[in-house]
PDB file of N, CA and C in Angstrom:
ATOM      1  N   MET A   1       0.724  -1.374  -0.308  1.00  0.00           N
ATOM      2  CA  MET A   1       0.149  -0.632   0.203  1.00  0.00           C
ATOM      3  C   MET A   1       0.757   1.265  -0.042  1.00  0.00           C
ATOM      4  N   GLU A   2       0.445   1.969  -0.668  1.00  0.00           N
ATOM      5  CA  GLU A   2       1.403   3.251  -1.144  1.00  0.00           C
ATOM      6  C   GLU A   2       1.214   4.004  -0.171  1.00  0.00           C
ATOM      7  N   THR A   3       1.651   5.040   0.918  1.00  0.00           N
ATOM      8  CA  THR A   3       1.660   6.401   1.462  1.00  0.00           C
ATOM      9  C   THR A   3       1.072   7.950   0.521  1.00  0.00           C
ATOM     10  N   ILE A   4       0.562   8.176   1.495  1.00  0.00           N
ATOM     11  CA  ILE A   4       0.282   9.650   0.362  1.00  0.00           C
ATOM     12  C   ILE A   4       0.846  10.947   0.942  1.00  0.00           C
ATOM     13  N   SER A   5       1.451  11.190   1.128  1.00  0.00           N
ATOM     14  CA  SER A   5       2.351  12.295   1.598  1.00  0.00           C
ATOM     15  C   SER A   5       1.208  13.918   0.929  1.00  0.00           C
ATOM     16  N   ALA A   6       0.857  14.574   1.813  1.00  0.00           N
ATOM     17  CA  ALA A   6       0.535  16.400   1.323  1.00  0.00           C
ATOM     18  C   ALA A   6       1.932  17.123   2.093  1.00  0.00           C
ATOM     19  N   LEU A   7       1.969  18.684   0.726  1.00  0.00           N
ATOM     20  CA  LEU A   7       3.344  19.630   1.036  1.00  0.00           C
ATOM     21  C   LEU A   7       1.580  20.687   1.067  1.00  0.00           C
ATOM     22  N   ILE A   8       1.931  21.746   2.240  1.00  0.00           N
ATOM     23  CA  ILE A   8       0.913  23.152   2.456  1.00  0.00           C
ATOM     24  C   ILE A   8       2.486  23.285   2.061  1.00  0.00           C
ATOM     25  N   LEU A   9       1.721  24.906   0.916  1.00  0.00           N
ATOM     26  CA  LEU A   9       3.139  26.160   0.723  1.00  0.00           C
ATOM     27  C   LEU A   9       3.005  27.195   1.396  1.00  0.00           C
ATOM     28  N   ALA A  10       2.581  27.454   2.404  1.00  0.00           N
ATOM     29  CA  ALA A  10       2.018  28.939   3.589  1.00  0.00           C
ATOM     30  C   ALA A  10       3.384  29.714   3.956  1.00  0.00           C
ATOM     31  N   GLY A  11       4.495  29.914   3.090  1.00  0.00           N
ATOM     32  CA  GLY A  11       5.105  30.778   3.482  1.00  0.00           C
ATOM     33  C   GLY A  11       5.561  31.842   2.652  1.00  0.00           C
ATOM     34  N   GLY A  12       4.220  32.456   2.328  1.00  0.00           N
ATOM     35  CA  GLY A  12       4.393  33.260   1.210  1.00  0.00           C
ATOM     36  C   GLY A  12       4.314  35.011   2.440  1.00  0.00           C
ATOM     37  N   LYS A  13       3.927  36.079   2.126  1.00  0.00           N
ATOM     38  CA  LYS A  13       4.851  37.023   2.793  1.00  0.00           C
ATOM     39  C   LYS A  13       2.331  36.848   3.018  1.00  0.00           C
ATOM     40  N   SER A  14       2.166  37.144   2.328  1.00  0.00           N
ATOM     41  CA  SER A  14       0.175  38.227   2.400  1.00  0.00           C
ATOM     42  C   SER A  14      -0.050  39.142   2.285  1.00  0.00           C
ATOM     43  N   GLU A  15       0.924  40.162   1.516  1.00  0.00           N
ATOM     44  CA  GLU A  15       0.843  41.350   1.667  1.00  0.00           C
ATOM     45  C   GLU A  15      -0.372  41.916   1.649  1.00  0.00           C
ATOM     46  N   ARG A  16      -1.930  41.165   0.761  1.00  0.00           N
ATOM     47  CA  ARG A  16      -2.516  41.805   0.272  1.00  0.00           C
ATOM     48  C   ARG A  16      -3.883  41.364   1.553  1.00  0.00           C
ATOM     49  N   MET A  17      -2.956  41.149   2.247  1.00  0.00           N
ATOM     50  CA  MET A  17      -4.050  40.493   3.631  1.00  0.00           C
ATOM     51  C   MET A  17      -3.529  41.490   4.228  1.00  0.00           C
ATOM     52  N   THR A  18      -4.705  40.880   5.702  1.00  0.00           N
ATOM     53  CA  THR A  18      -4.302  42.419   7.094  1.00  0.00           C
ATOM     54  C   THR A  18      -3.226  40.974   7.919  1.00  0.00           C
ATOM     55  N   HIS A  19      -3.353  39.808   7.872  1.00  0.00           N
ATOM     56  CA  HIS A  19      -2.744  39.017   8.689  1.00  0.00           C
ATOM     57  C   HIS A  19      -2.283  37.793   7.306  1.00  0.00           C
ATOM     58  N   PRO A  20      -1.245  36.945   7.540  1.00  0.00           N
ATOM     59  CA  PRO A  20      -0.774  35.786   7.837  1.00  0.00           C
ATOM     60  C   PRO A  20      -1.884  34.887   7.192  1.00  0.00           C
ATOM     61  N   LYS A  21      -2.337  34.256   6.265  1.00  0.00           N
ATOM     62  CA  LYS A  21      -3.235  33.175   5.278  1.00  0.00           C
ATOM     63  C   LYS A  21      -3.002  32.584   6.718  1.00  0.00           C
ATOM     64  N   PRO A  22      -1.952  31.702   6.598  1.00  0.00           N
ATOM     65  CA  PRO A  22      -2.167  30.176   7.393  1.00  0.00           C
ATOM     66  C   PRO A  22      -2.594  30.304   9.163  1.00  0.00           C
ATOM     67  N   TRP A  23      -2.836  31.433   9.264  1.00  0.00           N
ATOM     68  CA  TRP A  23      -3.829  32.008  10.990  1.00  0.00           C
ATOM     69  C   TRP A  23      -4.715  32.956  10.876  1.00  0.00           C
ATOM     70  N   LEU A  24      -4.991  32.763   9.739  1.00  0.00           N
ATOM     71  CA  LEU A  24      -6.725  33.720   9.689  1.00  0.00           C
ATOM     72  C   LEU A  24      -7.559  32.033  10.255  1.00  0.00           C
ATOM     73  N   MET A  25      -8.111  32.923  10.738  1.00  0.00           N
ATOM     74  CA  MET A  25      -9.707  32.128  12.024  1.00  0.00           C
ATOM     75  C   MET A  25     -10.501  31.597  10.603  1.00  0.00           C
ATOM     76  N   LEU A  26     -11.571  30.389  10.564  1.00  0.00           N
ATOM     77  CA  LEU A  26     -12.137  29.929   9.867  1.00  0.00           C
ATOM     78  C   LEU A  26     -13.169  28.824  11.001  1.00  0.00           C
ATOM     79  N   ASP A  27     -14.384  28.868  10.982  1.00  0.00           N
ATOM     80  CA  ASP A  27     -15.141  28.295  12.590  1.00  0.00           C
ATOM     81  C   ASP A  27     -14.021  27.380  13.559  1.00  0.00           C
ATOM     82  N   GLY A  28     -13.986  28.543  13.707  1.00  0.00           N
ATOM     83  CA  GLY A  28     -12.477  28.722  15.060  1.00  0.00           C
ATOM     84  C   GLY A  28     -11.771  27.290  15.076  1.00  0.00           C
ATOM     85  N   GLN A  29     -10.877  27.405  13.883  1.00  0.00           N
ATOM     86  CA  GLN A  29     -10.022  27.182  13.830  1.00  0.00           C
ATOM     87  C   GLN A  29      -8.766  28.168  13.425  1.00  0.00           C
ATOM     88  N   THR A  30      -7.332  27.664  12.488  1.00  0.00           N
ATOM     89  CA  THR A  30      -6.559  28.456  11.535  1.00  0.00           C
ATOM     90  C   THR A  30      -6.491  27.987  10.809  1.00  0.00           C
ATOM     91  N   PHE A  31      -5.853  28.563   9.705  1.00  0.00           N
ATOM     92  CA  PHE A  31      -7.108  28.164   8.366  1.00  0.00           C
ATOM     93  C   PHE A  31      -5.665  26.868   7.807  1.00  0.00           C
ATOM     94  N   ALA A  32      -4.593  27.183   8.257  1.00  0.00           N
ATOM     95  CA  ALA A  32      -3.491  25.669   8.581  1.00  0.00           C
ATOM     96  C   ALA A  32      -4.212  25.051   9.776  1.00  0.00           C
ATOM     97  N   GLU A  33      -5.171  24.732  10.047  1.00  0.00           N
ATOM     98  CA  GLU A  33      -5.154  23.237  11.498  1.00  0.00           C
ATOM     99  C   GLU A  33      -6.673  23.100  10.133  1.00  0.00           C
ATOM    100  N   LYS A  34      -7.400  23.911   9.916  1.00  0.00           N
ATOM    101  CA  LYS A  34      -8.578  23.209   8.845  1.00  0.00           C
ATOM    102  C   LYS A  34      -8.044  22.660   7.888  1.00  0.00           C
ATOM    103  N   ILE A  35      -7.255  22.844   6.839  1.00  0.00           N
ATOM    104  CA  ILE A  35      -6.314  21.947   5.699  1.00  0.00           C
ATOM    105  C   ILE A  35      -5.820  20.599   6.121  1.00  0.00           C
ATOM    106  N   ILE A  36      -5.234  20.727   7.743  1.00  0.00           N
ATOM    107  CA  ILE A  36      -4.229  19.599   8.000  1.00  0.00           C
ATOM    108  C   ILE A  36      -5.478  18.784   8.710  1.00  0.00           C
ATOM    109  N   ASP A  37      -6.136  19.292   9.206  1.00  0.00           N
ATOM    110  CA  ASP A  37      -7.417  18.008  10.001  1.00  0.00           C
ATOM    111  C   ASP A  37      -7.932  17.915   8.377  1.00  0.00           C
ATOM    112  N   THR A  38      -8.803  18.790   7.594  1.00  0.00           N
ATOM    113  CA  THR A  38      -9.398  17.856   6.039  1.00  0.00           C
ATOM    114  C   THR A  38      -8.331  16.825   5.371  1.00  0.00           C
ATOM    115  N   TYR A  39      -7.007  17.043   5.559  1.00  0.00           N
ATOM    116  CA  TYR A  39      -5.553  16.414   5.283  1.00  0.00           C
ATOM    117  C   TYR A  39      -5.677  14.549   5.693  1.00  0.00           C
ATOM    118  N   ILE A  40      -6.104  15.482   7.708  1.00  0.00           N
ATOM    119  CA  ILE A  40      -5.941  14.325   8.677  1.00  0.00           C
ATOM    120  C   ILE A  40      -6.718  12.941   8.105  1.00  0.00           C
ATOM    121  N   SER A  41      -7.882  13.663   7.905  1.00  0.00           N
ATOM    122  CA  SER A  41      -9.691  13.296   7.709  1.00  0.00           C
ATOM    123  C   SER A  41     -10.074  12.136   6.279  1.00  0.00           C
ATOM    124  N   ALA A  42      -8.778  12.676   5.487  1.00  0.00           N
ATOM    125  CA  ALA A  42      -9.136  11.885   4.227  1.00  0.00           C
ATOM    126  C   ALA A  42      -8.035  10.504   4.169  1.00  0.00           C
ATOM    127  N   GLY A  43      -7.548  10.370   5.076  1.00  0.00           N
ATOM    128  CA  GLY A  43      -6.261   9.346   5.174  1.00  0.00           C
ATOM    129  C   GLY A  43      -4.452   9.163   4.795  1.00  0.00           C
ATOM    130  N   ILE A  44      -4.577  11.146   4.465  1.00  0.00           N
ATOM    131  CA  ILE A  44      -3.097  11.649   4.039  1.00  0.00           C
ATOM    132  C   ILE A  44      -1.980  10.989   5.415  1.00  0.00           C
ATOM    133  N   GLU A  45      -0.644  10.555   5.285  1.00  0.00           N
ATOM    134  CA  GLU A  45      -0.140   9.821   6.313  1.00  0.00           C
ATOM    135  C   GLU A  45       0.925  10.414   6.888  1.00  0.00           C
ATOM    136  N   LYS A  46       1.560  11.577   6.032  1.00  0.00           N
ATOM    137  CA  LYS A  46       2.223  12.580   6.148  1.00  0.00           C
ATOM    138  C   LYS A  46       2.002  14.488   5.640  1.00  0.00           C
ATOM    139  N   ILE A  47       2.142  14.965   5.892  1.00  0.00           N
ATOM    140  CA  ILE A  47       2.221  16.495   6.327  1.00  0.00           C
ATOM    141  C   ILE A  47       3.093  17.452   6.224  1.00  0.00           C
ATOM    142  N   VAL A  48       3.653  18.438   5.837  1.00  0.00           N
ATOM    143  CA  VAL A  48       4.887  19.046   6.049  1.00  0.00           C
ATOM    144  C   VAL A  48       4.073  20.361   6.068  1.00  0.00           C
ATOM    145  N   LEU A  49       3.662  21.324   6.727  1.00  0.00           N
ATOM    146  CA  LEU A  49       3.826  22.706   6.163  1.00  0.00           C
ATOM    147  C   LEU A  49       4.568  23.244   6.589  1.00  0.00           C
ATOM    148  N   VAL A  50       4.812  24.554   5.002  1.00  0.00           N
ATOM    149  CA  VAL A  50       5.831  25.133   5.718  1.00  0.00           C
ATOM    150  C   VAL A  50       5.235  26.560   5.485  1.00  0.00           C
ATOM    151  N   ILE A  51       5.973  26.707   6.508  1.00  0.00           N
ATOM    152  CA  ILE A  51       5.924  28.673   6.738  1.00  0.00           C
ATOM    153  C   ILE A  51       7.012  29.651   6.292  1.00  0.00           C
ATOM    154  N   ASN A  52       7.229  30.258   6.458  1.00  0.00           N
ATOM    155  CA  ASN A  52       8.172  31.635   7.326  1.00  0.00           C
ATOM    156  C   ASN A  52       7.641  32.514   8.290  1.00  0.00           C
ATOM    157  N   LYS A  53       9.114  31.961   9.443  1.00  0.00           N
ATOM    158  CA  LYS A  53       8.596  32.793  10.435  1.00  0.00           C
ATOM    159  C   LYS A  53       8.707  34.177  10.915  1.00  0.00           C
ATOM    160  N   GLU A  54       8.782  34.483   9.975  1.00  0.00           N
ATOM    161  CA  GLU A  54       9.058  35.980   9.783  1.00  0.00           C
ATOM    162  C   GLU A  54       7.732  36.369   9.589  1.00  0.00           C
ATOM    163  N   PHE A  55       7.299  35.804   8.344  1.00  0.00           N
ATOM    164  CA  PHE A  55       6.122  36.482   8.935  1.00  0.00           C
ATOM    165  C   PHE A  55       4.999  36.118   9.663  1.00  0.00           C
ATOM    166  N   CYS A  56       5.170  35.324  10.483  1.00  0.00           N
ATOM    167  CA  CYS A  56       4.550  34.586  10.865  1.00  0.00           C
ATOM    168  C   CYS A  56       3.995  35.336  12.433  1.00  0.00           C
ATOM    169  N   GLY A  57       5.219  35.243  12.956  1.00  0.00           N
ATOM    170  CA  GLY A  57       5.380  35.750  14.969  1.00  0.00           C
ATOM    171  C   GLY A  57       5.779  34.651  15.375  1.00  0.00           C
ATOM    172  N   ASN A  58       4.662  34.381  16.905  1.00  0.00           N
ATOM    173  CA  ASN A  58       4.793  33.292  17.566  1.00  0.00           C
ATOM    174  C   ASN A  58       3.456  32.460  17.085  1.00  0.00           C
ATOM    175  N   GLU A  59       3.088  32.505  15.950  1.00  0.00           N
ATOM    176  CA  GLU A  59       1.024  32.140  15.665  1.00  0.00           C
ATOM    177  C   GLU A  59       1.625  30.589  15.781  1.00  0.00           C
ATOM    178  N   TRP A  60       2.657  30.338  15.165  1.00  0.00           N
ATOM    179  CA  TRP A  60       2.871  28.533  14.734  1.00  0.00           C
ATOM    180  C   TRP A  60       3.237  27.798  15.421  1.00  0.00           C
ATOM    181  N   GLN A  61       3.429  28.560  17.272  1.00  0.00           N
ATOM    182  CA  GLN A  61       3.568  27.785  18.129  1.00  0.00           C
ATOM    183  C   GLN A  61       2.164  26.508  19.017  1.00  0.00           C
ATOM    184  N   ASN A  62       1.338  27.605  18.807  1.00  0.00           N
ATOM    185  CA  ASN A  62       0.145  27.141  18.980  1.00  0.00           C
ATOM    186  C   ASN A  62      -0.316  26.404  18.372  1.00  0.00           C
ATOM    187  N   THR A  63      -0.556  26.909  16.717  1.00  0.00           N
ATOM    188  CA  THR A  63      -0.866  25.655  16.179  1.00  0.00           C
ATOM    189  C   THR A  63      -0.230  23.724  16.168  1.00  0.00           C
ATOM    190  N   LEU A  64       1.137  24.524  15.880  1.00  0.00           N
ATOM    191  CA  LEU A  64       1.965  23.309  15.873  1.00  0.00           C
ATOM    192  C   LEU A  64       1.384  22.838  17.698  1.00  0.00           C
ATOM    193  N   GLN A  65       0.919  22.705  18.498  1.00  0.00           N
ATOM    194  CA  GLN A  65       0.564  21.603  19.579  1.00  0.00           C
ATOM    195  C   GLN A  65      -0.795  21.928  19.266  1.00  0.00           C
ATOM    196  N   LYS A  66      -1.346  22.462  18.784  1.00  0.00           N
ATOM    197  CA  LYS A  66      -2.885  21.767  18.258  1.00  0.00           C
ATOM    198  C   LYS A  66      -2.341  20.431  17.302  1.00  0.00           C
ATOM    199  N   ILE A  67      -1.543  20.404  16.222  1.00  0.00           N
ATOM    200  CA  ILE A  67      -1.293  19.348  15.433  1.00  0.00           C
ATOM    201  C   ILE A  67      -0.990  17.708  15.412  1.00  0.00           C
ATOM    202  N   LYS A  68       0.277  18.928  16.495  1.00  0.00           N
ATOM    203  CA  LYS A  68       0.750  17.549  17.153  1.00  0.00           C
ATOM    204  C   LYS A  68      -0.633  16.719  17.731  1.00  0.00           C
ATOM    205  N   ALA A  69      -0.863  16.672  19.078  1.00  0.00           N
ATOM    206  CA  ALA A  69      -1.943  16.204  19.217  1.00  0.00           C
ATOM    207  C   ALA A  69      -3.288  15.569  18.671  1.00  0.00           C
ATOM    208  N   LYS A  70      -3.075  15.941  17.398  1.00  0.00           N
ATOM    209  CA  LYS A  70      -3.624  14.995  16.638  1.00  0.00           C
ATOM    210  C   LYS A  70      -3.057  14.026  16.032  1.00  0.00           C
ATOM    211  N   THR A  71      -1.872  14.105  15.295  1.00  0.00           N
ATOM    212  CA  THR A  71      -1.484  13.636  14.387  1.00  0.00           C
ATOM    213  C   THR A  71       0.430  13.371  14.748  1.00  0.00           C
ATOM    214  N   GLU A  72       1.234  12.992  15.034  1.00  0.00           N
ATOM    215  CA  GLU A  72       2.659  12.960  14.735  1.00  0.00           C
ATOM    216  C   GLU A  72       3.416  12.726  13.445  1.00  0.00           C
ATOM    217  N   SER A  73       2.612  12.490  12.407  1.00  0.00           N
ATOM    218  CA  SER A  73       3.290  12.308  10.773  1.00  0.00           C
ATOM    219  C   SER A  73       2.693  14.374  10.424  1.00  0.00           C
ATOM    220  N   ALA A  74       2.752  15.495  11.445  1.00  0.00           N
ATOM    221  CA  ALA A  74       3.325  15.814  10.672  1.00  0.00           C
ATOM    222  C   ALA A  74       4.667  17.125  10.521  1.00  0.00           C
ATOM    223  N   ILE A  75       4.817  17.311  10.288  1.00  0.00           N
ATOM    224  CA  ILE A  75       6.286  18.225  10.137  1.00  0.00           C
ATOM    225  C   ILE A  75       6.317  20.020   9.608  1.00  0.00           C
ATOM    226  N   LEU A  76       6.263  20.348  10.453  1.00  0.00           N
ATOM    227  CA  LEU A  76       6.653  21.329  10.166  1.00  0.00           C
ATOM    228  C   LEU A  76       7.965  22.310   9.395  1.00  0.00           C
ATOM    229  N   PHE A  77       8.353  22.917   8.130  1.00  0.00           N
ATOM    230  CA  PHE A  77       9.703  23.496   8.102  1.00  0.00           C
ATOM    231  C   PHE A  77       9.181  24.921   8.201  1.00  0.00           C
ATOM    232  N   PHE A  78      10.469  25.607   8.481  1.00  0.00           N
ATOM    233  CA  PHE A  78      10.800  27.435   8.016  1.00  0.00           C
ATOM    234  C   PHE A  78      11.499  27.377   7.297  1.00  0.00           C
ATOM    235  N   MET A  79      11.075  28.196   6.453  1.00  0.00           N
ATOM    236  CA  MET A  79      11.122  28.325   5.266  1.00  0.00           C
ATOM    237  C   MET A  79      12.372  29.742   5.081  1.00  0.00           C
ATOM    238  N   LYS A  80      13.262  30.270   5.111  1.00  0.00           N
ATOM    239  CA  LYS A  80      14.002  31.025   5.282  1.00  0.00           C
ATOM    240  C   LYS A  80      13.648  32.580   3.579  1.00  0.00           C
ATOM    241  N   ARG A  81      14.125  33.553   3.875  1.00  0.00           N
ATOM    242  CA  ARG A  81      13.691  34.652   2.347  1.00  0.00           C
ATOM    243  C   ARG A  81      14.929  34.549   2.347  1.00  0.00           C
ATOM    244  N   SER A  82      15.215  34.802   0.698  1.00  0.00           N
ATOM    245  CA  SER A  82      16.728  34.015   0.199  1.00  0.00           C
ATOM    246  C   SER A  82      17.333  35.617   0.039  1.00  0.00           C
ATOM    247  N   PRO A  83      18.396  36.183   0.467  1.00  0.00           N
ATOM    248  CA  PRO A  83      19.074  37.588   0.139  1.00  0.00           C
ATOM    249  C   PRO A  83      18.589  38.472  -1.478  1.00  0.00           C
TER     250      PRO A  83
END
């Protein structure tokens, strides 16, 4: 049986928004949590969320705690802006 993985690219600056998109609230969850919950319920076994801490402040820490409570297969990857 094959393992299905998901890669969520959420490292953009969100210049047109007032807030980074992964941390916008939707139905009581951040957008990132909502996407990850959807993938988990679809049977996705490995999930990688790519963010840029430069644009996210500390909000990613709360989301990471919630994600870890649901699955051990989610990975948070931090990208750096190239010079």
